[in-house]
Amino acid sequence: MTNLKNLLKWFDSKERVLVSLSGGVDSALVAYAAEKALGKNSIAVTADYKTLSSEELDSAKIIAQEIGIAHKIIEYNELENENFVKNDQKRCFYCRDELSNKLLELATSLDIPTIVDGTQSDDMGDFRPGIDALHRNGIRSPLLETRFTKVLVRKTAKSVGLSVYDKPSNSCLASRIPWGQRVTAERLARIEIGEKIIKQKTGIQQVRVRDIDGIARIEVESNKINLLNDVLVKNEIFQKLHMIGFSNIEIDPDGYFSGKLNTVSRT
């Protein structure tokens, strides 16, 4: 495949590379290409920054094992960063700026000159201050530079045998909280547990539980909403979400789409 060849070629001139591995398909493909091109001169790193779900952390570990790339996990607590916690429209900038600094510290300690992430072309169409922060700090995006779209990423990932090729897109748990409402450990915990409950009861994998002043707004893909309408399933989900701290629960009739909360937060 020409695109994969171009991605592998991107790494040819690099001596050693640190790959920011999030647990999703985009960064998985970058890690795959880095390992194929550079072998032991490539290292993957996943940041456990307390707003990353345990599901995504586990996915990153599995991806690294599949690829055979060395994998490090760094831990820090974004909830100690007041700029992040206050949750204004630059929240993602503060998040990725802090991540960049942690990656730069690790890269320096390992004498690695190049840090890369999984940003691809389709990511540039939404409001993404976090990407701006990464690029300002010198983080490179091979998929973006070789013109990969999300569809092409998934197609290529499938062709090389990555198990996450069809994994639904995800984002940090804080993205479920509208701008201006503080990010707290309690809110993050009930969001993560709430999404697990819905996935387990329905089998739906693309799930968002928005925490809007303590109200849970459930978003799933529009063609899966009917799975939430079974009375017994719905009642059990609502009961469990009440038990973990939500004051009220509603199902968004319009369904989920990427970047939706950005629009809601602006209105």
C-alpha atoms as a PDB file:
ATOM      1  CA  MET A   1       0.000   0.000   0.000  1.00  0.00           C
ATOM      2  CA  THR A   2       1.433   3.328  -1.085  1.00  0.00           C
ATOM      3  CA  ASN A   3       0.226   5.209   1.986  1.00  0.00           C
ATOM      4  CA  LEU A   4       1.775   2.702   4.373  1.00  0.00           C
ATOM      5  CA  LYS A   5       5.037   2.873   2.429  1.00  0.00           C
ATOM      6  CA  ASN A   6       4.986   6.657   2.774  1.00  0.00           C
ATOM      7  CA  LEU A   7       4.360   6.353   6.511  1.00  0.00           C
ATOM      8  CA  LEU A   8       7.220   3.889   6.945  1.00  0.00           C
ATOM      9  CA  LYS A   9       9.454   6.109   4.830  1.00  0.00           C
ATOM     10  CA  TRP A  10       8.634   9.059   7.112  1.00  0.00           C
ATOM     11  CA  PHE A  11      10.623   7.306   9.843  1.00  0.00           C
ATOM     12  CA  ASP A  12      13.643   6.525   7.660  1.00  0.00           C
ATOM     13  CA  SER A  13      15.564   9.658   8.577  1.00  0.00           C
ATOM     14  CA  LYS A  14      14.791   9.367  12.314  1.00  0.00           C
ATOM     15  CA  GLU A  15      17.327   7.882  14.709  1.00  0.00           C
ATOM     16  CA  ARG A  16      15.110   7.212  17.723  1.00  0.00           C
ATOM     17  CA  VAL A  17      11.421   7.962  18.217  1.00  0.00           C
ATOM     18  CA  LEU A  18       9.068   8.219  21.173  1.00  0.00           C
ATOM     19  CA  VAL A  19       5.442   7.431  20.248  1.00  0.00           C
ATOM     20  CA  SER A  20       2.611   8.867  22.320  1.00  0.00           C
ATOM     21  CA  LEU A  21       0.289   5.835  22.418  1.00  0.00           C
ATOM     22  CA  SER A  22      -3.240   6.679  23.566  1.00  0.00           C
ATOM     23  CA  GLY A  23      -4.980   3.339  23.135  1.00  0.00           C
ATOM     24  CA  GLY A  24      -6.782   4.259  19.908  1.00  0.00           C
ATOM     25  CA  VAL A  25      -6.282   3.149  16.318  1.00  0.00           C
ATOM     26  CA  ASP A  26      -4.495   6.298  15.099  1.00  0.00           C
ATOM     27  CA  SER A  27      -1.568   6.181  17.510  1.00  0.00           C
ATOM     28  CA  ALA A  28      -1.547   2.378  17.208  1.00  0.00           C
ATOM     29  CA  LEU A  29      -0.781   2.662  13.495  1.00  0.00           C
ATOM     30  CA  VAL A  30       1.967   5.193  14.202  1.00  0.00           C
ATOM     31  CA  ALA A  31       3.484   2.861  16.803  1.00  0.00           C
ATOM     32  CA  TYR A  32       3.285  -0.025  14.332  1.00  0.00           C
ATOM     33  CA  ALA A  33       5.063   1.966  11.625  1.00  0.00           C
ATOM     34  CA  ALA A  34       7.715   3.222  14.053  1.00  0.00           C
ATOM     35  CA  GLU A  35       8.492  -0.292  15.251  1.00  0.00           C
ATOM     36  CA  LYS A  36       8.621  -1.668  11.707  1.00  0.00           C
ATOM     37  CA  ALA A  37      10.928   1.104  10.539  1.00  0.00           C
ATOM     38  CA  LEU A  38      13.135   1.513  13.595  1.00  0.00           C
ATOM     39  CA  GLY A  39      12.772  -1.624  15.705  1.00  0.00           C
ATOM     40  CA  LYS A  40      14.321  -1.155  19.155  1.00  0.00           C
ATOM     41  CA  ASN A  41      14.916   2.518  18.390  1.00  0.00           C
ATOM     42  CA  SER A  42      11.199   3.141  18.848  1.00  0.00           C
ATOM     43  CA  ILE A  43       9.492   3.348  22.227  1.00  0.00           C
ATOM     44  CA  ALA A  44       5.800   3.847  22.982  1.00  0.00           C
ATOM     45  CA  VAL A  45       4.628   5.802  26.011  1.00  0.00           C
ATOM     46  CA  THR A  46       1.153   6.112  27.492  1.00  0.00           C
ATOM     47  CA  ALA A  47       0.292   8.838  29.979  1.00  0.00           C
ATOM     48  CA  ASP A  48      -1.967   7.750  32.817  1.00  0.00           C
ATOM     49  CA  TYR A  49      -3.065  11.247  33.797  1.00  0.00           C
ATOM     50  CA  LYS A  50      -6.213  10.309  35.742  1.00  0.00           C
ATOM     51  CA  THR A  51      -8.652  11.454  33.042  1.00  0.00           C
ATOM     52  CA  LEU A  52      -7.715   8.520  30.822  1.00  0.00           C
ATOM     53  CA  SER A  53     -10.194   5.685  31.278  1.00  0.00           C
ATOM     54  CA  SER A  54      -8.895   2.326  32.468  1.00  0.00           C
ATOM     55  CA  GLU A  55     -10.310   0.883  29.234  1.00  0.00           C
ATOM     56  CA  GLU A  56      -8.009   3.079  27.134  1.00  0.00           C
ATOM     57  CA  LEU A  57      -4.994   2.325  29.320  1.00  0.00           C
ATOM     58  CA  ASP A  58      -5.611  -1.416  28.954  1.00  0.00           C
ATOM     59  CA  SER A  59      -6.017  -0.968  25.193  1.00  0.00           C
ATOM     60  CA  ALA A  60      -2.651   0.786  24.950  1.00  0.00           C
ATOM     61  CA  LYS A  61      -0.962  -2.085  26.799  1.00  0.00           C
ATOM     62  CA  ILE A  62      -2.528  -4.649  24.461  1.00  0.00           C
ATOM     63  CA  ILE A  63      -1.541  -2.662  21.355  1.00  0.00           C
ATOM     64  CA  ALA A  64       2.076  -2.421  22.478  1.00  0.00           C
ATOM     65  CA  GLN A  65       2.191  -6.173  23.100  1.00  0.00           C
ATOM     66  CA  GLU A  66       0.684  -6.903  19.669  1.00  0.00           C
ATOM     67  CA  ILE A  67       3.204  -4.690  17.907  1.00  0.00           C
ATOM     68  CA  GLY A  68       6.152  -5.779  20.018  1.00  0.00           C
ATOM     69  CA  ILE A  69       7.195  -2.222  20.781  1.00  0.00           C
ATOM     70  CA  ALA A  70       8.766  -1.256  24.113  1.00  0.00           C
ATOM     71  CA  HIS A  71       6.122   0.454  26.237  1.00  0.00           C
ATOM     72  CA  LYS A  72       6.424   2.877  29.127  1.00  0.00           C
ATOM     73  CA  ILE A  73       3.645   4.321  31.269  1.00  0.00           C
ATOM     74  CA  ILE A  74       4.050   7.683  32.941  1.00  0.00           C
ATOM     75  CA  GLU A  75       1.733   8.791  35.727  1.00  0.00           C
ATOM     76  CA  TYR A  76       0.686  12.235  36.854  1.00  0.00           C
ATOM     77  CA  ASN A  77      -2.512  13.890  38.032  1.00  0.00           C
ATOM     78  CA  GLU A  78      -4.145  16.497  35.817  1.00  0.00           C
ATOM     79  CA  LEU A  79      -6.480  17.362  38.680  1.00  0.00           C
ATOM     80  CA  GLU A  80      -3.539  19.119  40.319  1.00  0.00           C
ATOM     81  CA  ASN A  81      -3.452  21.566  37.394  1.00  0.00           C
ATOM     82  CA  GLU A  82      -5.895  24.389  38.175  1.00  0.00           C
ATOM     83  CA  ASN A  83      -5.843  25.623  34.573  1.00  0.00           C
ATOM     84  CA  PHE A  84      -7.156  22.218  33.529  1.00  0.00           C
ATOM     85  CA  VAL A  85      -9.611  21.752  36.402  1.00  0.00           C
ATOM     86  CA  LYS A  86     -11.380  25.085  35.856  1.00  0.00           C
ATOM     87  CA  ASN A  87     -12.412  23.665  32.470  1.00  0.00           C
ATOM     88  CA  ASP A  88     -12.565  26.687  30.215  1.00  0.00           C
ATOM     89  CA  GLN A  89     -12.342  26.546  26.424  1.00  0.00           C
ATOM     90  CA  LYS A  90      -8.569  26.048  26.636  1.00  0.00           C
ATOM     91  CA  ARG A  91      -8.853  22.907  28.769  1.00  0.00           C
ATOM     92  CA  CYS A  92      -7.494  20.675  25.995  1.00  0.00           C
ATOM     93  CA  PHE A  93      -4.626  23.103  25.420  1.00  0.00           C
ATOM     94  CA  TYR A  94      -3.591  22.905  29.083  1.00  0.00           C
ATOM     95  CA  CYS A  95      -3.970  19.118  29.010  1.00  0.00           C
ATOM     96  CA  ARG A  96      -1.796  18.621  25.948  1.00  0.00           C
ATOM     97  CA  ASP A  97       0.695  21.276  27.005  1.00  0.00           C
ATOM     98  CA  GLU A  98       1.273  19.392  30.261  1.00  0.00           C
ATOM     99  CA  LEU A  99       1.443  16.092  28.366  1.00  0.00           C
ATOM    100  CA  SER A 100       3.987  17.590  25.962  1.00  0.00           C
ATOM    101  CA  ASN A 101       6.202  18.647  28.847  1.00  0.00           C
ATOM    102  CA  LYS A 102       6.057  15.159  30.367  1.00  0.00           C
ATOM    103  CA  LEU A 103       6.905  13.584  26.999  1.00  0.00           C
ATOM    104  CA  LEU A 104       9.765  16.024  26.471  1.00  0.00           C
ATOM    105  CA  GLU A 105      11.169  15.196  29.918  1.00  0.00           C
ATOM    106  CA  LEU A 106      11.053  11.475  29.149  1.00  0.00           C
ATOM    107  CA  ALA A 107      12.513  11.898  25.669  1.00  0.00           C
ATOM    108  CA  THR A 108      15.377  13.953  27.071  1.00  0.00           C
ATOM    109  CA  SER A 109      16.123  11.357  29.740  1.00  0.00           C
ATOM    110  CA  LEU A 110      16.200   8.631  27.069  1.00  0.00           C
ATOM    111  CA  ASP A 111      18.140  10.745  24.559  1.00  0.00           C
ATOM    112  CA  ILE A 112      15.334  10.510  21.993  1.00  0.00           C
ATOM    113  CA  PRO A 113      15.182  13.491  19.609  1.00  0.00           C
ATOM    114  CA  THR A 114      11.743  12.921  18.026  1.00  0.00           C
ATOM    115  CA  ILE A 115       8.318  12.599  19.643  1.00  0.00           C
ATOM    116  CA  VAL A 116       5.277  11.636  17.539  1.00  0.00           C
ATOM    117  CA  ASP A 117       1.538  11.290  18.085  1.00  0.00           C
ATOM    118  CA  GLY A 118      -1.510   9.935  16.251  1.00  0.00           C
ATOM    119  CA  THR A 119      -3.073  13.147  14.941  1.00  0.00           C
ATOM    120  CA  GLN A 120      -4.463  12.608  11.418  1.00  0.00           C
ATOM    121  CA  SER A 121      -6.061  14.821   8.778  1.00  0.00           C
ATOM    122  CA  ASP A 122      -9.665  14.536   9.968  1.00  0.00           C
ATOM    123  CA  ASP A 123      -8.655  15.782  13.419  1.00  0.00           C
ATOM    124  CA  MET A 124      -7.983  19.225  11.990  1.00  0.00           C
ATOM    125  CA  GLY A 125     -11.628  19.945  11.141  1.00  0.00           C
ATOM    126  CA  ASP A 126     -12.922  20.417  14.706  1.00  0.00           C
ATOM    127  CA  PHE A 127     -12.028  22.766  17.567  1.00  0.00           C
ATOM    128  CA  ARG A 128      -8.799  21.126  18.778  1.00  0.00           C
ATOM    129  CA  PRO A 129      -6.608  23.451  20.896  1.00  0.00           C
ATOM    130  CA  GLY A 130      -4.862  20.357  22.248  1.00  0.00           C
ATOM    131  CA  ILE A 131      -3.331  19.636  18.857  1.00  0.00           C
ATOM    132  CA  ASP A 132      -2.039  23.197  18.732  1.00  0.00           C
ATOM    133  CA  ALA A 133      -0.329  22.677  22.106  1.00  0.00           C
ATOM    134  CA  LEU A 134       1.358  19.472  20.935  1.00  0.00           C
ATOM    135  CA  HIS A 135       2.645  21.020  17.737  1.00  0.00           C
ATOM    136  CA  ARG A 136       3.872  24.158  19.527  1.00  0.00           C
ATOM    137  CA  ASN A 137       5.969  21.893  21.721  1.00  0.00           C
ATOM    138  CA  GLY A 138       7.525  20.167  18.739  1.00  0.00           C
ATOM    139  CA  ILE A 139       5.480  16.958  18.748  1.00  0.00           C
ATOM    140  CA  ARG A 140       5.295  15.600  15.198  1.00  0.00           C
ATOM    141  CA  SER A 141       2.264  13.964  13.558  1.00  0.00           C
ATOM    142  CA  PRO A 142       3.339  11.443  10.877  1.00  0.00           C
ATOM    143  CA  LEU A 143      -0.239  10.567   9.876  1.00  0.00           C
ATOM    144  CA  LEU A 144      -1.051  14.212   9.306  1.00  0.00           C
ATOM    145  CA  GLU A 145       2.167  14.809   7.395  1.00  0.00           C
ATOM    146  CA  THR A 146       1.515  11.796   5.142  1.00  0.00           C
ATOM    147  CA  ARG A 147      -2.156  12.749   4.633  1.00  0.00           C
ATOM    148  CA  PHE A 148      -3.899   9.888   6.393  1.00  0.00           C
ATOM    149  CA  THR A 149      -7.632  10.264   7.004  1.00  0.00           C
ATOM    150  CA  LYS A 150      -9.499   8.269   9.661  1.00  0.00           C
ATOM    151  CA  VAL A 151     -10.903   5.924   7.004  1.00  0.00           C
ATOM    152  CA  LEU A 152      -7.442   5.304   5.606  1.00  0.00           C
ATOM    153  CA  VAL A 153      -6.028   4.748   9.091  1.00  0.00           C
ATOM    154  CA  ARG A 154      -8.633   2.078   9.814  1.00  0.00           C
ATOM    155  CA  LYS A 155      -8.149   0.423   6.408  1.00  0.00           C
ATOM    156  CA  THR A 156      -4.370   0.315   6.854  1.00  0.00           C
ATOM    157  CA  ALA A 157      -4.587  -0.858  10.461  1.00  0.00           C
ATOM    158  CA  LYS A 158      -6.831  -3.722   9.367  1.00  0.00           C
ATOM    159  CA  SER A 159      -4.463  -4.684   6.552  1.00  0.00           C
ATOM    160  CA  VAL A 160      -1.520  -5.025   8.962  1.00  0.00           C
ATOM    161  CA  GLY A 161      -3.556  -6.974  11.523  1.00  0.00           C
ATOM    162  CA  LEU A 162      -4.034  -4.444  14.325  1.00  0.00           C
ATOM    163  CA  SER A 163      -6.929  -5.638  16.494  1.00  0.00           C
ATOM    164  CA  VAL A 164      -8.061  -2.053  17.201  1.00  0.00           C
ATOM    165  CA  TYR A 165      -8.681  -1.217  13.537  1.00  0.00           C
ATOM    166  CA  ASP A 166     -12.417  -0.832  14.163  1.00  0.00           C
ATOM    167  CA  LYS A 167     -12.231   0.431  17.760  1.00  0.00           C
ATOM    168  CA  PRO A 168     -14.617   3.367  18.308  1.00  0.00           C
ATOM    169  CA  SER A 169     -12.986   6.753  18.734  1.00  0.00           C
ATOM    170  CA  ASN A 170     -12.641   7.914  22.310  1.00  0.00           C
ATOM    171  CA  SER A 171     -11.437  10.938  24.238  1.00  0.00           C
ATOM    172  CA  CYS A 172     -10.487  11.761  27.801  1.00  0.00           C
ATOM    173  CA  LEU A 173     -13.218  11.555  30.423  1.00  0.00           C
ATOM    174  CA  ALA A 174     -13.068  15.306  31.045  1.00  0.00           C
ATOM    175  CA  SER A 175     -14.475  15.866  27.556  1.00  0.00           C
ATOM    176  CA  ARG A 176     -17.840  14.690  28.917  1.00  0.00           C
ATOM    177  CA  ILE A 177     -18.075  17.777  31.152  1.00  0.00           C
ATOM    178  CA  PRO A 178     -19.238  21.072  29.568  1.00  0.00           C
ATOM    179  CA  TRP A 179     -16.869  24.013  29.656  1.00  0.00           C
ATOM    180  CA  GLY A 180     -17.173  26.098  32.794  1.00  0.00           C
ATOM    181  CA  GLN A 181     -18.137  23.157  35.020  1.00  0.00           C
ATOM    182  CA  ARG A 182     -15.174  22.032  37.124  1.00  0.00           C
ATOM    183  CA  VAL A 183     -13.477  18.703  36.513  1.00  0.00           C
ATOM    184  CA  THR A 184     -13.436  16.636  39.699  1.00  0.00           C
ATOM    185  CA  ALA A 185     -12.410  13.101  40.592  1.00  0.00           C
ATOM    186  CA  GLU A 186     -15.991  12.326  41.605  1.00  0.00           C
ATOM    187  CA  ARG A 187     -17.413  13.387  38.244  1.00  0.00           C
ATOM    188  CA  LEU A 188     -14.764  11.498  36.296  1.00  0.00           C
ATOM    189  CA  ALA A 189     -15.429   8.315  38.297  1.00  0.00           C
ATOM    190  CA  ARG A 190     -19.187   8.347  37.773  1.00  0.00           C
ATOM    191  CA  ILE A 191     -18.769   9.104  34.074  1.00  0.00           C
ATOM    192  CA  GLU A 192     -16.411   6.144  33.605  1.00  0.00           C
ATOM    193  CA  ILE A 193     -18.580   3.776  35.645  1.00  0.00           C
ATOM    194  CA  GLY A 194     -21.724   4.999  33.882  1.00  0.00           C
ATOM    195  CA  GLU A 195     -20.296   4.304  30.444  1.00  0.00           C
ATOM    196  CA  LYS A 196     -19.182   0.825  31.516  1.00  0.00           C
ATOM    197  CA  ILE A 197     -22.682   0.060  32.818  1.00  0.00           C
ATOM    198  CA  ILE A 198     -24.288   1.022  29.502  1.00  0.00           C
ATOM    199  CA  LYS A 199     -21.765  -0.920  27.440  1.00  0.00           C
ATOM    200  CA  GLN A 200     -22.210  -4.031  29.556  1.00  0.00           C
ATOM    201  CA  LYS A 201     -26.023  -3.882  29.483  1.00  0.00           C
ATOM    202  CA  THR A 202     -26.443  -3.111  25.768  1.00  0.00           C
ATOM    203  CA  GLY A 203     -23.262  -4.176  23.956  1.00  0.00           C
ATOM    204  CA  ILE A 204     -22.986  -0.676  22.487  1.00  0.00           C
ATOM    205  CA  GLN A 205     -19.343   0.383  22.252  1.00  0.00           C
ATOM    206  CA  GLN A 206     -19.631   4.046  21.240  1.00  0.00           C
ATOM    207  CA  VAL A 207     -21.050   5.543  24.446  1.00  0.00           C
ATOM    208  CA  ARG A 208     -20.794   8.958  26.052  1.00  0.00           C
ATOM    209  CA  VAL A 209     -22.235   9.856  29.432  1.00  0.00           C
ATOM    210  CA  ARG A 210     -22.179  13.658  29.641  1.00  0.00           C
ATOM    211  CA  ASP A 211     -22.165  15.033  33.192  1.00  0.00           C
ATOM    212  CA  ILE A 212     -24.118  18.290  32.980  1.00  0.00           C
ATOM    213  CA  ASP A 213     -24.405  19.712  36.495  1.00  0.00           C
ATOM    214  CA  GLY A 214     -24.988  16.219  37.830  1.00  0.00           C
ATOM    215  CA  ILE A 215     -27.431  15.201  35.096  1.00  0.00           C
ATOM    216  CA  ALA A 216     -26.349  12.244  32.967  1.00  0.00           C
ATOM    217  CA  ARG A 217     -27.040  12.701  29.277  1.00  0.00           C
ATOM    218  CA  ILE A 218     -26.494   9.435  27.442  1.00  0.00           C
ATOM    219  CA  GLU A 219     -25.286   9.603  23.852  1.00  0.00           C
ATOM    220  CA  VAL A 220     -24.954   6.599  21.556  1.00  0.00           C
ATOM    221  CA  GLU A 221     -24.915   6.344  17.781  1.00  0.00           C
ATOM    222  CA  SER A 222     -28.336   7.211  16.390  1.00  0.00           C
ATOM    223  CA  ASN A 223     -28.849   3.749  14.912  1.00  0.00           C
ATOM    224  CA  LYS A 224     -28.276   2.174  18.348  1.00  0.00           C
ATOM    225  CA  ILE A 225     -30.670   4.342  20.379  1.00  0.00           C
ATOM    226  CA  ASN A 226     -33.391   1.704  20.041  1.00  0.00           C
ATOM    227  CA  LEU A 227     -31.261  -0.624  22.191  1.00  0.00           C
ATOM    228  CA  LEU A 228     -31.778   1.787  25.088  1.00  0.00           C
ATOM    229  CA  ASN A 229     -35.546   1.787  24.707  1.00  0.00           C
ATOM    230  CA  ASP A 230     -36.149  -1.684  26.096  1.00  0.00           C
ATOM    231  CA  VAL A 231     -38.027  -0.903  29.312  1.00  0.00           C
ATOM    232  CA  LEU A 232     -36.197  -3.399  31.523  1.00  0.00           C
ATOM    233  CA  VAL A 233     -32.749  -2.418  30.204  1.00  0.00           C
ATOM    234  CA  LYS A 234     -33.522   1.288  30.432  1.00  0.00           C
ATOM    235  CA  ASN A 235     -34.859   1.037  33.979  1.00  0.00           C
ATOM    236  CA  GLU A 236     -31.815  -0.923  35.148  1.00  0.00           C
ATOM    237  CA  ILE A 237     -29.402   1.552  33.561  1.00  0.00           C
ATOM    238  CA  PHE A 238     -31.223   4.528  35.030  1.00  0.00           C
ATOM    239  CA  GLN A 239     -31.340   2.905  38.481  1.00  0.00           C
ATOM    240  CA  LYS A 240     -27.601   2.179  38.476  1.00  0.00           C
ATOM    241  CA  LEU A 241     -26.708   5.680  37.237  1.00  0.00           C
ATOM    242  CA  HIS A 242     -28.774   7.144  40.072  1.00  0.00           C
ATOM    243  CA  MET A 243     -26.902   4.906  42.503  1.00  0.00           C
ATOM    244  CA  ILE A 244     -23.490   6.215  41.404  1.00  0.00           C
ATOM    245  CA  GLY A 245     -24.499   9.821  41.951  1.00  0.00           C
ATOM    246  CA  PHE A 246     -26.369  11.219  38.964  1.00  0.00           C
ATOM    247  CA  SER A 247     -29.384  13.326  39.968  1.00  0.00           C
ATOM    248  CA  ASN A 248     -31.245  12.692  36.729  1.00  0.00           C
ATOM    249  CA  ILE A 249     -30.729  10.743  33.487  1.00  0.00           C
ATOM    250  CA  GLU A 250     -31.783  11.497  29.932  1.00  0.00           C
ATOM    251  CA  ILE A 251     -31.123   9.921  26.548  1.00  0.00           C
ATOM    252  CA  ASP A 252     -30.095  12.280  23.769  1.00  0.00           C
ATOM    253  CA  PRO A 253     -32.549  11.602  20.910  1.00  0.00           C
ATOM    254  CA  ASP A 254     -30.127  13.004  18.323  1.00  0.00           C
ATOM    255  CA  GLY A 255     -27.396  10.506  19.163  1.00  0.00           C
ATOM    256  CA  TYR A 256     -23.628  10.867  19.402  1.00  0.00           C
ATOM    257  CA  PHE A 257     -21.255  12.619  17.031  1.00  0.00           C
ATOM    258  CA  SER A 258     -17.654  13.731  17.527  1.00  0.00           C
ATOM    259  CA  GLY A 259     -17.206  17.231  18.911  1.00  0.00           C
ATOM    260  CA  LYS A 260     -20.828  17.520  19.982  1.00  0.00           C
ATOM    261  CA  LEU A 261     -20.097  18.925  23.418  1.00  0.00           C
ATOM    262  CA  ASN A 262     -18.021  21.700  21.852  1.00  0.00           C
ATOM    263  CA  THR A 263     -21.197  22.888  20.154  1.00  0.00           C
ATOM    264  CA  VAL A 264     -23.299  22.484  23.285  1.00  0.00           C
ATOM    265  CA  SER A 265     -20.753  24.354  25.399  1.00  0.00           C
ATOM    266  CA  ARG A 266     -20.753  27.339  23.060  1.00  0.00           C
ATOM    267  CA  THR A 267     -24.521  27.791  23.094  1.00  0.00           C
END
